[in-house]
Amino acid sequence: MAGWIVINLSGIDEWIAAQQATGRPVVQISPVQASNLCPYVVPDNLGGARDAITHLLTLGHTCIAFIGNPTNSDIALRHAGFRQALAAHGVDPDEAPVASITWRSDYWTATAGAEATRRLIESGASFSALFAATDELARGALQELKRLGRRVPRDCALVGFDDAPVALTLKP
């Protein structure tokens, strides 16, 4: 093994030091708290979400829903970008339908995305587009929208975030 890429872990300075002592480099991706012992890479969560919502707004969508767990640091920034884009285009972000996935421990899964989408629809929320904070949530949202007879993108546009491999297999 040449090295480690560690995702979303914090409090691992002792482990990082031990790996480095063996000559194995460590890089953190999107750490909850970055270690000063190794480099880290963080996606542009705020800007990426803002760009995605701006795209939906330029397509004419003015009622865009959000699903995700904003207690996660990455998702919190994606939610902030969502709100910023709405506000910048004259849409009140406080009026946007949101299904905050804080009631589940598996808040990043397709199952959570389907359940959040179902909760939005059952609440009577009206939306022509849905921003899912992860691609797995988008996968679940797509399954639930299809199950409920909503065609994507004709009846509801759908955007995920992460560019995860699962996004390559989703249709449309």
Protein backbone atom coordinates (compact mmCIF):
# COMPACT_ATOMS: atom_id res chain seq x y z
CA MET A 1 0.00 0.00 0.00
CA ALA A 2 1.38 3.38 -1.02
CA GLY A 3 -0.80 5.63 1.16
CA TRP A 4 -4.20 6.47 2.59
CA ILE A 5 -7.10 8.66 1.53
CA VAL A 6 -9.36 9.19 4.53
CA ILE A 7 -12.90 10.54 4.14
CA ASN A 8 -14.82 12.56 6.77
CA LEU A 9 -12.90 11.41 9.83
CA SER A 10 -11.66 13.62 12.64
CA GLY A 11 -9.73 13.00 15.83
CA ILE A 12 -7.33 10.64 14.07
CA ASP A 13 -4.04 12.51 14.55
CA GLU A 14 -2.49 9.54 16.37
CA TRP A 15 -3.44 7.20 13.52
CA ILE A 16 -2.15 9.68 10.91
CA ALA A 17 1.18 10.01 12.73
CA ALA A 18 1.50 6.21 12.92
CA GLN A 19 0.88 5.87 9.16
CA GLN A 20 3.34 8.61 8.36
CA ALA A 21 5.95 6.94 10.60
CA THR A 22 5.75 3.90 8.28
CA GLY A 23 6.27 6.14 5.26
CA ARG A 24 2.67 6.02 4.10
CA PRO A 25 1.26 9.44 3.24
CA VAL A 26 -2.26 10.38 4.33
CA VAL A 27 -4.67 12.82 2.69
CA GLN A 28 -8.03 13.70 4.23
CA ILE A 29 -11.10 14.38 2.10
CA SER A 30 -13.73 16.67 3.54
CA PRO A 31 -12.67 16.19 7.16
CA VAL A 32 -15.06 17.19 9.91
CA GLN A 33 -12.00 18.75 11.53
CA ALA A 34 -8.83 18.93 9.48
CA SER A 35 -5.62 17.61 10.98
CA ASN A 36 -2.53 19.78 10.74
CA LEU A 37 -0.50 16.59 10.20
CA CYS A 38 -1.57 16.02 6.60
CA PRO A 39 -3.04 17.79 3.60
CA TYR A 40 -6.78 17.77 3.01
CA VAL A 41 -9.13 18.35 0.11
CA VAL A 42 -12.58 19.88 0.49
CA PRO A 43 -15.14 20.16 -2.31
CA ASP A 44 -16.71 23.54 -3.00
CA ASN A 45 -19.94 22.58 -1.28
CA LEU A 46 -21.25 26.14 -1.05
CA GLY A 47 -20.38 27.20 -4.60
CA GLY A 48 -21.39 23.89 -6.17
CA ALA A 49 -24.84 23.99 -4.60
CA ARG A 50 -25.24 27.66 -5.47
CA ASP A 51 -24.36 26.90 -9.10
CA ALA A 52 -26.78 23.96 -9.26
CA ILE A 53 -29.67 26.03 -7.91
CA THR A 54 -28.80 28.95 -10.17
CA HIS A 55 -28.99 26.53 -13.10
CA LEU A 56 -32.46 25.37 -12.03
CA LEU A 57 -33.59 28.96 -11.55
CA THR A 58 -32.39 29.95 -15.03
CA LEU A 59 -34.43 27.04 -16.41
CA GLY A 60 -37.51 28.70 -14.89
CA HIS A 61 -37.90 26.75 -11.66
CA THR A 62 -38.93 29.05 -8.83
CA CYS A 63 -40.12 26.45 -6.35
CA ILE A 64 -37.16 24.23 -5.58
CA ALA A 65 -37.12 21.75 -2.70
CA PHE A 66 -34.10 20.56 -0.70
CA ILE A 67 -33.41 17.21 0.93
CA GLY A 68 -30.39 16.53 3.12
CA ASN A 69 -29.01 16.52 6.65
CA PRO A 70 -27.76 20.04 7.44
CA THR A 71 -26.16 18.86 10.69
CA ASN A 72 -23.41 17.33 8.50
CA SER A 73 -20.77 20.01 7.78
CA ASP A 74 -20.69 19.38 4.00
CA ILE A 75 -24.48 19.30 3.72
CA ALA A 76 -24.78 22.47 5.81
CA LEU A 77 -22.67 24.29 3.23
CA ARG A 78 -24.74 22.83 0.38
CA HIS A 79 -27.90 24.00 2.12
CA ALA A 80 -26.37 27.47 2.57
CA GLY A 81 -25.52 27.58 -1.16
CA PHE A 82 -29.08 26.51 -1.95
CA ARG A 83 -30.44 29.37 0.17
CA GLN A 84 -27.96 31.91 -1.23
CA ALA A 85 -28.89 31.14 -4.83
CA LEU A 86 -32.60 31.43 -4.11
CA ALA A 87 -32.15 34.76 -2.32
CA ALA A 88 -29.89 36.11 -5.09
CA HIS A 89 -32.69 35.44 -7.59
CA GLY A 90 -35.45 37.02 -5.54
CA VAL A 91 -36.89 33.76 -4.18
CA ASP A 92 -37.48 33.71 -0.43
CA PRO A 93 -35.36 30.80 0.86
CA ASP A 94 -37.58 30.50 3.93
CA GLU A 95 -40.46 29.54 1.63
CA ALA A 96 -38.53 26.70 -0.03
CA PRO A 97 -39.71 23.21 0.89
CA VAL A 98 -37.04 21.40 2.93
CA ALA A 99 -36.93 17.83 4.19
CA SER A 100 -34.14 17.85 6.73
CA ILE A 101 -32.92 14.29 7.15
CA THR A 102 -31.93 14.42 10.80
CA TRP A 103 -34.19 11.63 12.04
CA ARG A 104 -32.14 8.82 10.46
CA SER A 105 -28.65 7.56 11.18
CA ASP A 106 -28.26 6.58 7.48
CA TYR A 107 -29.00 10.10 6.25
CA TRP A 108 -26.83 9.72 3.13
CA THR A 109 -28.58 6.67 1.61
CA ALA A 110 -31.05 6.21 -1.22
CA THR A 111 -33.56 4.93 1.34
CA ALA A 112 -33.31 8.22 3.22
CA GLY A 113 -33.69 10.14 -0.05
CA ALA A 114 -36.86 8.24 -0.94
CA GLU A 115 -38.31 8.77 2.51
CA ALA A 116 -37.49 12.49 2.51
CA THR A 117 -39.08 12.89 -0.92
CA ARG A 118 -42.18 11.02 0.24
CA ARG A 119 -42.39 13.30 3.30
CA LEU A 120 -42.16 16.39 1.11
CA ILE A 121 -44.94 15.22 -1.17
CA GLU A 122 -47.15 14.02 1.68
CA SER A 123 -46.74 17.41 3.37
CA GLY A 124 -48.41 19.00 0.35
CA ALA A 125 -45.27 20.91 -0.62
CA SER A 126 -45.31 22.16 -4.17
CA PHE A 127 -42.06 22.06 -6.13
CA SER A 128 -41.00 21.75 -9.75
CA ALA A 129 -37.38 20.88 -8.93
CA LEU A 130 -35.61 19.00 -6.16
CA PHE A 131 -32.04 19.46 -4.97
CA ALA A 132 -30.72 16.36 -3.22
CA ALA A 133 -27.62 17.06 -1.13
CA THR A 134 -25.95 13.81 -2.29
CA ASP A 135 -26.21 11.58 -5.33
CA GLU A 136 -27.43 8.68 -3.18
CA LEU A 137 -30.25 10.89 -1.89
CA ALA A 138 -31.00 11.81 -5.51
CA ARG A 139 -31.17 8.11 -6.40
CA GLY A 140 -33.76 7.56 -3.69
CA ALA A 141 -35.65 10.69 -4.69
CA LEU A 142 -35.74 9.51 -8.30
CA GLN A 143 -37.11 6.12 -7.25
CA GLU A 144 -39.80 7.73 -5.10
CA LEU A 145 -40.79 10.30 -7.73
CA LYS A 146 -41.16 7.49 -10.28
CA ARG A 147 -43.14 5.38 -7.80
CA LEU A 148 -45.54 8.28 -7.30
CA GLY A 149 -45.96 8.78 -11.04
CA ARG A 150 -43.86 11.93 -11.38
CA ARG A 151 -41.72 11.97 -14.51
CA VAL A 152 -38.17 13.27 -14.18
CA PRO A 153 -37.33 15.77 -15.61
CA ARG A 154 -40.71 16.54 -17.22
CA ASP A 155 -42.72 16.84 -13.99
CA CYS A 156 -39.85 17.49 -11.60
CA ALA A 157 -36.21 18.38 -12.28
CA LEU A 158 -33.74 16.60 -10.02
CA VAL A 159 -30.16 17.51 -9.10
CA GLY A 160 -27.77 15.51 -6.92
CA PHE A 161 -24.37 16.47 -5.56
CA ASP A 162 -21.04 14.59 -5.35
CA ASP A 163 -20.55 13.13 -8.83
CA ALA A 164 -20.60 9.70 -7.22
CA PRO A 165 -20.37 6.62 -9.47
CA VAL A 166 -24.07 5.91 -8.87
CA ALA A 167 -24.89 9.09 -10.82
CA LEU A 168 -23.61 7.43 -14.01
CA THR A 169 -26.24 4.71 -13.75
CA LEU A 170 -29.29 6.87 -13.03
CA LYS A 171 -31.87 7.46 -15.72
CA PRO A 172 -32.78 9.98 -16.88
